[in-house]
Structure formats: structure tokens, C-alpha cells
Amino acid sequence: MNLQIDISGQVQQLNYDSSLGLKRSDGFTRSVYLSCEIKKEIIKKYKGQITNIIEKIHCILIYYCIKDFLDNIDDIIICRDVDFRRVKNLLPLLFKENNYFNKIILKQRSSEGEKSSAHNIAIKSFRKKRYADLIISKEMIENVLLEFKK
């Protein structure tokens, strides 16, 4: 079974909210939502102290979106919106206590072809036509952001 992830409203676009959606090959969908106000606060507070903060926030959104839904997943296909190499290196750090990523292959979605199946979930949540399953708070990001240092 595979899992596709797509984001609407890039993390580096500080004037827009961000919504990240996932869709499993069995039809299960989920989305998380991050407001632009919280995004601005976090980036302003930690910009000089934490390297690759945009990719780390993107990984945190992925973490909260997929953390409870990794059963029987063989590969995760991630959108092309951020530096994939950094995300591929950073994302397993958030799951190090469970060793989920020993079996899961991270892939980048190819640019040609149709949009990812997760794109519709992300864009509907971004445009507020679908309720997000989880709204990310500043405390949620800070708790996980400091895990990267360990």
C-alpha cells in the first residue's frame, strides 16, 4: 500500500496558510492545517537558531498527518514542493523511536502526469471547503522542532 502526500500553500509563503493532505491507496484521507500567523511566529522566533527551518516545518506537518496511519505502508510519495533530499533525511528522525522507516521507502512524485491524489484533499482544506482533521498549534510545532536537535 502506498501513501501520497501533497501540500497547498507552501511553508515558505508566510502570507498564506498551509494545508497538507494525504491519501492512502485504500482511499483513506486526512489533512492538517497550519495558519500563517503561527508560521510567521515560528519562523521569526527560530530563523537564526535552527537550520533548514522550512523543511523541518514541512516534515512536522507530514509527521502529524501520517504518524498514526503507517500500518501496512510500503512507500510514501511526497510532492515536489520542498527539497526532497532534506525531507528524506529529516523525516525519519521524527520516527526514530518506532523504527517505522526501516521498511518504508520515501519517493518523490514525478513532475509529469496528473496531480497527486492527495492534492484535492490539501486544496479543499486550504480553501476551507473541507474541515482539516488536525489544526497545528504553535506548541505542537515547538515540541517536535526541538526533537531535531537531539
N, C-alpha and C. Protein backbone atom coordinates (compact mmCIF):
# COMPACT_ATOMS: atom_id res chain seq x y z
N MET A 1 0.85 -1.17 0.00
CA MET A 1 0.00 0.00 0.00
C MET A 1 0.89 1.23 0.00
N ASN A 2 0.49 2.24 -0.78
CA ASN A 2 1.28 3.47 -0.76
C ASN A 2 0.46 4.61 -0.20
N LEU A 3 1.16 5.70 0.08
CA LEU A 3 0.57 6.87 0.71
C LEU A 3 1.10 8.08 -0.04
N GLN A 4 0.23 8.95 -0.52
CA GLN A 4 0.65 10.15 -1.23
C GLN A 4 0.43 11.37 -0.35
N ILE A 5 1.39 12.28 -0.40
CA ILE A 5 1.34 13.50 0.41
C ILE A 5 1.51 14.70 -0.50
N ASP A 6 0.67 15.71 -0.30
CA ASP A 6 0.77 16.94 -1.08
C ASP A 6 0.43 18.12 -0.17
N ILE A 7 1.01 19.28 -0.49
CA ILE A 7 0.76 20.48 0.32
C ILE A 7 0.16 21.56 -0.57
N SER A 8 -0.70 22.35 0.03
CA SER A 8 -1.24 23.52 -0.64
C SER A 8 -0.93 24.72 0.26
N GLY A 9 -0.32 25.73 -0.31
CA GLY A 9 0.13 26.87 0.49
C GLY A 9 1.49 26.53 1.07
N GLN A 10 2.53 26.82 0.34
CA GLN A 10 3.88 26.44 0.74
C GLN A 10 4.26 27.01 2.10
N VAL A 11 5.14 26.32 2.80
CA VAL A 11 5.57 26.77 4.12
C VAL A 11 6.33 28.10 4.00
N GLN A 12 7.10 28.27 2.93
CA GLN A 12 7.89 29.50 2.79
C GLN A 12 7.03 30.71 2.42
N GLN A 13 5.78 30.52 2.01
CA GLN A 13 4.87 31.63 1.72
C GLN A 13 4.20 32.05 3.03
N LEU A 14 4.75 33.04 3.68
CA LEU A 14 4.31 33.40 5.02
C LEU A 14 2.95 34.10 5.07
N ASN A 15 2.47 34.61 3.95
CA ASN A 15 1.18 35.28 3.96
C ASN A 15 0.01 34.34 3.70
N TYR A 16 0.31 33.06 3.45
CA TYR A 16 -0.74 32.08 3.18
C TYR A 16 -0.72 30.99 4.24
N ASP A 17 -1.91 30.48 4.55
CA ASP A 17 -1.99 29.30 5.41
C ASP A 17 -1.46 28.10 4.62
N SER A 18 -1.12 27.04 5.32
CA SER A 18 -0.66 25.81 4.68
C SER A 18 -1.58 24.67 5.07
N SER A 19 -1.86 23.82 4.11
CA SER A 19 -2.65 22.63 4.37
C SER A 19 -1.98 21.46 3.69
N LEU A 20 -1.75 20.39 4.45
CA LEU A 20 -1.09 19.21 3.91
C LEU A 20 -2.09 18.06 3.96
N GLY A 21 -2.22 17.37 2.82
CA GLY A 21 -3.17 16.27 2.74
C GLY A 21 -2.48 14.96 2.42
N LEU A 22 -3.10 13.87 2.85
CA LEU A 22 -2.59 12.54 2.49
C LEU A 22 -3.74 11.70 1.98
N LYS A 23 -3.38 10.79 1.09
CA LYS A 23 -4.35 9.81 0.61
C LYS A 23 -3.64 8.48 0.46
N ARG A 24 -4.19 7.47 1.14
CA ARG A 24 -3.65 6.12 1.02
C ARG A 24 -4.28 5.43 -0.18
N SER A 25 -3.62 4.40 -0.66
CA SER A 25 -4.14 3.68 -1.83
C SER A 25 -5.45 2.96 -1.52
N ASP A 26 -5.80 2.79 -0.24
CA ASP A 26 -7.09 2.17 0.10
C ASP A 26 -8.21 3.20 0.22
N GLY A 27 -7.92 4.49 -0.07
CA GLY A 27 -8.94 5.53 -0.07
C GLY A 27 -9.00 6.38 1.18
N PHE A 28 -8.25 6.03 2.22
CA PHE A 28 -8.24 6.82 3.46
C PHE A 28 -7.62 8.19 3.20
N THR A 29 -8.24 9.25 3.72
CA THR A 29 -7.72 10.61 3.54
C THR A 29 -7.62 11.30 4.89
N ARG A 30 -6.72 12.29 4.94
CA ARG A 30 -6.51 13.07 6.16
C ARG A 30 -5.82 14.37 5.76
N SER A 31 -6.06 15.44 6.54
CA SER A 31 -5.36 16.69 6.28
C SER A 31 -5.04 17.40 7.59
N VAL A 32 -3.97 18.18 7.56
CA VAL A 32 -3.60 19.03 8.68
C VAL A 32 -3.48 20.45 8.17
N TYR A 33 -3.67 21.42 9.07
CA TYR A 33 -3.77 22.83 8.69
C TYR A 33 -2.87 23.66 9.60
N LEU A 34 -2.12 24.57 9.01
CA LEU A 34 -1.24 25.47 9.75
C LEU A 34 -1.53 26.90 9.31
N SER A 35 -1.90 27.76 10.26
CA SER A 35 -2.23 29.14 9.90
C SER A 35 -0.97 29.96 9.65
N CYS A 36 -1.13 31.01 8.86
CA CYS A 36 0.02 31.84 8.52
C CYS A 36 0.54 32.60 9.74
N GLU A 37 -0.31 32.91 10.70
CA GLU A 37 0.14 33.62 11.89
C GLU A 37 1.11 32.77 12.71
N ILE A 38 0.77 31.50 12.88
CA ILE A 38 1.66 30.60 13.64
C ILE A 38 2.95 30.37 12.86
N LYS A 39 2.83 30.23 11.55
CA LYS A 39 4.01 30.04 10.70
C LYS A 39 4.97 31.23 10.84
N LYS A 40 4.43 32.45 10.79
CA LYS A 40 5.26 33.65 10.93
C LYS A 40 5.94 33.70 12.30
N GLU A 41 5.18 33.38 13.35
CA GLU A 41 5.74 33.39 14.71
C GLU A 41 6.91 32.41 14.84
N ILE A 42 6.72 31.21 14.38
CA ILE A 42 7.75 30.16 14.50
C ILE A 42 9.00 30.55 13.70
N ILE A 43 8.81 30.98 12.46
CA ILE A 43 9.97 31.31 11.62
C ILE A 43 10.69 32.54 12.17
N LYS A 44 9.95 33.53 12.66
CA LYS A 44 10.58 34.73 13.24
C LYS A 44 11.38 34.37 14.49
N LYS A 45 10.83 33.48 15.31
CA LYS A 45 11.46 33.13 16.58
C LYS A 45 12.72 32.28 16.39
N TYR A 46 12.70 31.33 15.43
CA TYR A 46 13.78 30.34 15.32
C TYR A 46 14.65 30.49 14.07
N LYS A 47 14.44 31.54 13.26
CA LYS A 47 15.12 31.62 11.97
C LYS A 47 16.64 31.57 12.07
N GLY A 48 17.25 32.29 12.97
CA GLY A 48 18.71 32.28 13.07
C GLY A 48 19.27 31.10 13.85
N GLN A 49 18.44 30.44 14.62
CA GLN A 49 18.91 29.38 15.52
C GLN A 49 18.84 27.99 14.90
N ILE A 50 17.86 27.73 14.05
CA ILE A 50 17.63 26.39 13.52
C ILE A 50 17.83 26.42 12.01
N THR A 51 18.70 25.55 11.51
CA THR A 51 18.94 25.48 10.07
C THR A 51 17.81 24.71 9.40
N ASN A 52 17.60 24.98 8.12
CA ASN A 52 16.58 24.31 7.30
C ASN A 52 15.20 24.34 7.96
N ILE A 53 14.82 25.47 8.49
CA ILE A 53 13.56 25.55 9.26
C ILE A 53 12.34 25.30 8.38
N ILE A 54 12.37 25.70 7.11
CA ILE A 54 11.24 25.48 6.21
C ILE A 54 11.02 23.98 6.01
N GLU A 55 12.08 23.24 5.72
CA GLU A 55 11.97 21.80 5.52
C GLU A 55 11.56 21.09 6.81
N LYS A 56 12.04 21.60 7.94
CA LYS A 56 11.67 20.98 9.21
C LYS A 56 10.20 21.19 9.54
N ILE A 57 9.67 22.38 9.25
CA ILE A 57 8.24 22.60 9.47
C ILE A 57 7.42 21.72 8.52
N HIS A 58 7.88 21.59 7.29
CA HIS A 58 7.21 20.71 6.34
C HIS A 58 7.20 19.26 6.86
N CYS A 59 8.31 18.82 7.41
CA CYS A 59 8.40 17.47 7.98
C CYS A 59 7.47 17.31 9.18
N ILE A 60 7.35 18.36 9.98
CA ILE A 60 6.46 18.32 11.14
C ILE A 60 5.00 18.18 10.69
N LEU A 61 4.63 18.89 9.62
CA LEU A 61 3.27 18.74 9.10
C LEU A 61 3.04 17.31 8.61
N ILE A 62 4.04 16.75 7.92
CA ILE A 62 3.93 15.36 7.46
C ILE A 62 3.82 14.43 8.66
N TYR A 63 4.63 14.68 9.68
CA TYR A 63 4.63 13.84 10.88
C TYR A 63 3.25 13.78 11.52
N TYR A 64 2.64 14.95 11.74
CA TYR A 64 1.32 14.97 12.38
C TYR A 64 0.24 14.37 11.47
N CYS A 65 0.44 14.44 10.18
CA CYS A 65 -0.55 13.90 9.26
C CYS A 65 -0.49 12.37 9.18
N ILE A 66 0.72 11.79 9.23
CA ILE A 66 0.84 10.34 8.98
C ILE A 66 1.15 9.50 10.20
N LYS A 67 1.45 10.10 11.34
CA LYS A 67 2.03 9.34 12.45
C LYS A 67 1.20 8.16 12.93
N ASP A 68 -0.11 8.22 12.87
CA ASP A 68 -0.94 7.13 13.36
C ASP A 68 -1.46 6.22 12.24
N PHE A 69 -1.01 6.45 11.02
CA PHE A 69 -1.60 5.75 9.88
C PHE A 69 -0.54 5.07 9.00
N LEU A 70 0.49 4.53 9.61
CA LEU A 70 1.58 3.91 8.85
C LEU A 70 1.51 2.39 8.79
N ASP A 71 0.42 1.81 9.25
CA ASP A 71 0.29 0.35 9.20
C ASP A 71 0.20 -0.12 7.75
N ASN A 72 0.98 -1.12 7.41
CA ASN A 72 0.98 -1.75 6.08
C ASN A 72 1.38 -0.81 4.95
N ILE A 73 2.09 0.26 5.24
CA ILE A 73 2.55 1.19 4.21
C ILE A 73 3.91 0.73 3.70
N ASP A 74 4.03 0.63 2.37
CA ASP A 74 5.30 0.22 1.76
C ASP A 74 6.10 1.41 1.28
N ASP A 75 5.43 2.40 0.69
CA ASP A 75 6.15 3.59 0.24
C ASP A 75 5.30 4.84 0.41
N ILE A 76 6.00 5.95 0.60
CA ILE A 76 5.38 7.26 0.76
C ILE A 76 5.86 8.13 -0.40
N ILE A 77 4.91 8.69 -1.13
CA ILE A 77 5.22 9.53 -2.27
C ILE A 77 4.95 10.98 -1.86
N ILE A 78 6.01 11.80 -1.89
CA ILE A 78 5.95 13.18 -1.40
C ILE A 78 5.98 14.13 -2.60
N CYS A 79 5.21 15.21 -2.51
CA CYS A 79 5.15 16.21 -3.57
C CYS A 79 6.51 16.89 -3.77
N ARG A 80 6.64 17.61 -4.85
CA ARG A 80 7.91 18.22 -5.23
C ARG A 80 8.05 19.66 -4.71
N ASP A 81 7.37 20.02 -3.65
CA ASP A 81 7.32 21.42 -3.22
C ASP A 81 8.49 21.87 -2.36
N VAL A 82 9.24 20.96 -1.79
CA VAL A 82 10.40 21.32 -0.97
C VAL A 82 11.59 20.48 -1.42
N ASP A 83 12.74 20.76 -0.84
CA ASP A 83 13.95 20.00 -1.16
C ASP A 83 13.76 18.56 -0.67
N PHE A 84 13.56 17.64 -1.61
CA PHE A 84 13.23 16.25 -1.26
C PHE A 84 14.37 15.58 -0.49
N ARG A 85 15.59 15.87 -0.87
CA ARG A 85 16.73 15.22 -0.21
C ARG A 85 16.77 15.56 1.28
N ARG A 86 16.49 16.81 1.62
CA ARG A 86 16.47 17.20 3.03
C ARG A 86 15.31 16.55 3.76
N VAL A 87 14.14 16.54 3.14
CA VAL A 87 12.97 15.91 3.77
C VAL A 87 13.22 14.42 3.97
N LYS A 88 13.84 13.78 2.99
CA LYS A 88 14.14 12.35 3.09
C LYS A 88 15.09 12.06 4.25
N ASN A 89 16.00 12.98 4.54
CA ASN A 89 16.93 12.80 5.65
C ASN A 89 16.32 13.19 7.00
N LEU A 90 15.44 14.20 7.01
CA LEU A 90 14.90 14.72 8.27
C LEU A 90 13.70 13.92 8.78
N LEU A 91 12.83 13.47 7.89
CA LEU A 91 11.60 12.81 8.32
C LEU A 91 11.82 11.57 9.18
N PRO A 92 12.76 10.68 8.85
CA PRO A 92 12.97 9.52 9.73
C PRO A 92 13.43 9.88 11.14
N LEU A 93 14.01 11.07 11.34
CA LEU A 93 14.44 11.49 12.68
C LEU A 93 13.24 11.65 13.62
N LEU A 94 12.09 11.99 13.07
CA LEU A 94 10.90 12.17 13.90
C LEU A 94 10.28 10.83 14.32
N PHE A 95 10.61 9.79 13.60
CA PHE A 95 10.04 8.46 13.88
C PHE A 95 11.08 7.50 14.43
N LYS A 96 12.19 8.03 14.96
CA LYS A 96 13.30 7.16 15.35
C LYS A 96 12.96 6.20 16.48
N GLU A 97 12.02 6.55 17.36
CA GLU A 97 11.69 5.66 18.47
C GLU A 97 10.88 4.45 18.02
N ASN A 98 10.20 4.55 16.87
CA ASN A 98 9.36 3.44 16.42
C ASN A 98 9.98 2.62 15.30
N ASN A 99 11.03 3.11 14.67
CA ASN A 99 11.70 2.43 13.56
C ASN A 99 10.75 2.11 12.41
N TYR A 100 9.77 2.98 12.16
CA TYR A 100 8.84 2.77 11.06
C TYR A 100 9.54 2.84 9.71
N PHE A 101 10.51 3.71 9.60
CA PHE A 101 11.08 3.99 8.30
C PHE A 101 12.15 2.99 7.88
N ASN A 102 12.34 1.91 8.62
CA ASN A 102 13.23 0.85 8.16
C ASN A 102 12.63 0.13 6.96
N LYS A 103 11.30 0.00 6.93
CA LYS A 103 10.63 -0.73 5.87
C LYS A 103 10.02 0.18 4.81
N ILE A 104 9.80 1.43 5.12
CA ILE A 104 9.09 2.34 4.22
C ILE A 104 10.07 3.06 3.31
N ILE A 105 9.73 3.11 2.02
CA ILE A 105 10.56 3.79 1.03
C ILE A 105 9.95 5.16 0.75
N LEU A 106 10.76 6.21 0.86
CA LEU A 106 10.31 7.57 0.54
C LEU A 106 10.64 7.87 -0.91
N LYS A 107 9.64 8.34 -1.65
CA LYS A 107 9.82 8.67 -3.07
C LYS A 107 9.33 10.08 -3.32
N GLN A 108 9.90 10.68 -4.38
CA GLN A 108 9.41 11.99 -4.81
C GLN A 108 8.48 11.78 -5.99
N ARG A 109 7.37 12.49 -5.99
CA ARG A 109 6.41 12.35 -7.08
C ARG A 109 7.00 12.90 -8.36
N SER A 110 6.78 12.20 -9.47
CA SER A 110 7.32 12.67 -10.75
C SER A 110 6.54 13.91 -11.19
N SER A 111 7.21 14.77 -11.92
CA SER A 111 6.59 16.05 -12.31
C SER A 111 5.60 15.87 -13.45
N GLU A 112 5.83 14.92 -14.33
CA GLU A 112 4.88 14.73 -15.43
C GLU A 112 3.70 13.88 -14.96
N GLY A 113 2.64 13.97 -15.70
CA GLY A 113 1.46 13.20 -15.33
C GLY A 113 0.46 14.04 -14.57
N GLU A 114 -0.54 13.36 -14.05
CA GLU A 114 -1.62 14.06 -13.35
C GLU A 114 -1.19 14.46 -11.94
N LYS A 115 -2.02 15.29 -11.32
CA LYS A 115 -1.74 15.73 -9.96
C LYS A 115 -1.87 14.55 -9.01
N SER A 116 -1.23 14.65 -7.87
CA SER A 116 -1.29 13.57 -6.90
C SER A 116 -2.71 13.44 -6.36
N SER A 117 -3.06 12.26 -5.91
CA SER A 117 -4.40 12.05 -5.38
C SER A 117 -4.61 12.81 -4.07
N ALA A 118 -3.52 13.19 -3.41
CA ALA A 118 -3.63 13.95 -2.16
C ALA A 118 -3.83 15.44 -2.41
N HIS A 119 -3.63 15.87 -3.65
CA HIS A 119 -3.74 17.30 -3.96
C HIS A 119 -5.14 17.83 -3.67
N ASN A 120 -6.17 17.08 -4.05
CA ASN A 120 -7.55 17.53 -3.83
C ASN A 120 -7.86 17.69 -2.35
N ILE A 121 -7.36 16.80 -1.53
CA ILE A 121 -7.59 16.89 -0.08
C ILE A 121 -6.93 18.15 0.47
N ALA A 122 -5.68 18.39 0.06
CA ALA A 122 -4.93 19.55 0.54
C ALA A 122 -5.58 20.86 0.09
N ILE A 123 -5.98 20.93 -1.18
CA ILE A 123 -6.52 22.18 -1.70
C ILE A 123 -7.90 22.48 -1.11
N LYS A 124 -8.72 21.45 -0.88
CA LYS A 124 -10.04 21.68 -0.27
C LYS A 124 -9.90 22.18 1.16
N SER A 125 -8.95 21.63 1.88
CA SER A 125 -8.71 22.08 3.24
C SER A 125 -8.14 23.50 3.24
N PHE A 126 -7.25 23.78 2.30
CA PHE A 126 -6.64 25.10 2.16
C PHE A 126 -7.70 26.16 1.87
N ARG A 127 -8.65 25.83 1.01
CA ARG A 127 -9.70 26.77 0.62
C ARG A 127 -10.88 26.76 1.58
N LYS A 128 -10.75 25.99 2.66
CA LYS A 128 -11.77 25.88 3.70
C LYS A 128 -13.09 25.31 3.18
N LYS A 129 -12.99 24.40 2.21
CA LYS A 129 -14.16 23.69 1.72
C LYS A 129 -14.25 22.31 2.35
N ARG A 130 -13.24 21.95 3.12
CA ARG A 130 -13.20 20.69 3.85
C ARG A 130 -12.56 20.98 5.20
N TYR A 131 -13.12 20.43 6.27
CA TYR A 131 -12.51 20.63 7.58
C TYR A 131 -11.22 19.84 7.66
N ALA A 132 -10.18 20.47 8.20
CA ALA A 132 -8.93 19.76 8.43
C ALA A 132 -9.12 18.81 9.61
N ASP A 133 -8.48 17.66 9.54
CA ASP A 133 -8.59 16.70 10.62
C ASP A 133 -7.82 17.14 11.86
N LEU A 134 -6.79 17.96 11.65
CA LEU A 134 -5.98 18.44 12.77
C LEU A 134 -5.49 19.84 12.46
N ILE A 135 -5.66 20.75 13.39
CA ILE A 135 -5.14 22.11 13.25
C ILE A 135 -3.89 22.20 14.11
N ILE A 136 -2.78 22.53 13.49
CA ILE A 136 -1.47 22.54 14.16
C ILE A 136 -1.33 23.81 14.97
N SER A 137 -0.93 23.66 16.24
CA SER A 137 -0.71 24.82 17.11
C SER A 137 0.79 25.12 17.21
N LYS A 138 1.09 26.28 17.74
CA LYS A 138 2.48 26.68 17.93
C LYS A 138 3.21 25.72 18.86
N GLU A 139 2.55 25.28 19.92
CA GLU A 139 3.17 24.36 20.89
C GLU A 139 3.48 23.01 20.25
N MET A 140 2.59 22.55 19.36
CA MET A 140 2.82 21.28 18.69
C MET A 140 4.08 21.35 17.83
N ILE A 141 4.26 22.46 17.13
CA ILE A 141 5.44 22.61 16.28
C ILE A 141 6.70 22.73 17.14
N GLU A 142 6.64 23.54 18.18
CA GLU A 142 7.83 23.73 19.03
C GLU A 142 8.27 22.44 19.70
N ASN A 143 7.32 21.63 20.16
CA ASN A 143 7.68 20.36 20.80
C ASN A 143 8.45 19.45 19.86
N VAL A 144 8.01 19.37 18.62
CA VAL A 144 8.66 18.49 17.66
C VAL A 144 9.90 19.14 17.05
N LEU A 145 9.88 20.46 16.88
CA LEU A 145 11.02 21.16 16.29
C LEU A 145 12.28 20.98 17.11
N LEU A 146 12.14 20.96 18.42
CA LEU A 146 13.30 20.79 19.28
C LEU A 146 13.79 19.34 19.29
N GLU A 147 12.99 18.39 18.80
CA GLU A 147 13.43 16.99 18.69
C GLU A 147 14.51 16.83 17.64
N PHE A 148 14.51 17.69 16.63
CA PHE A 148 15.52 17.60 15.57
C PHE A 148 16.93 17.80 16.10
N LYS A 149 17.06 18.58 17.18
CA LYS A 149 18.39 18.87 17.71
C LYS A 149 19.01 17.66 18.39
N LYS A 150 18.17 16.74 18.86
CA LYS A 150 18.69 15.59 19.61
C LYS A 150 19.25 14.54 18.69
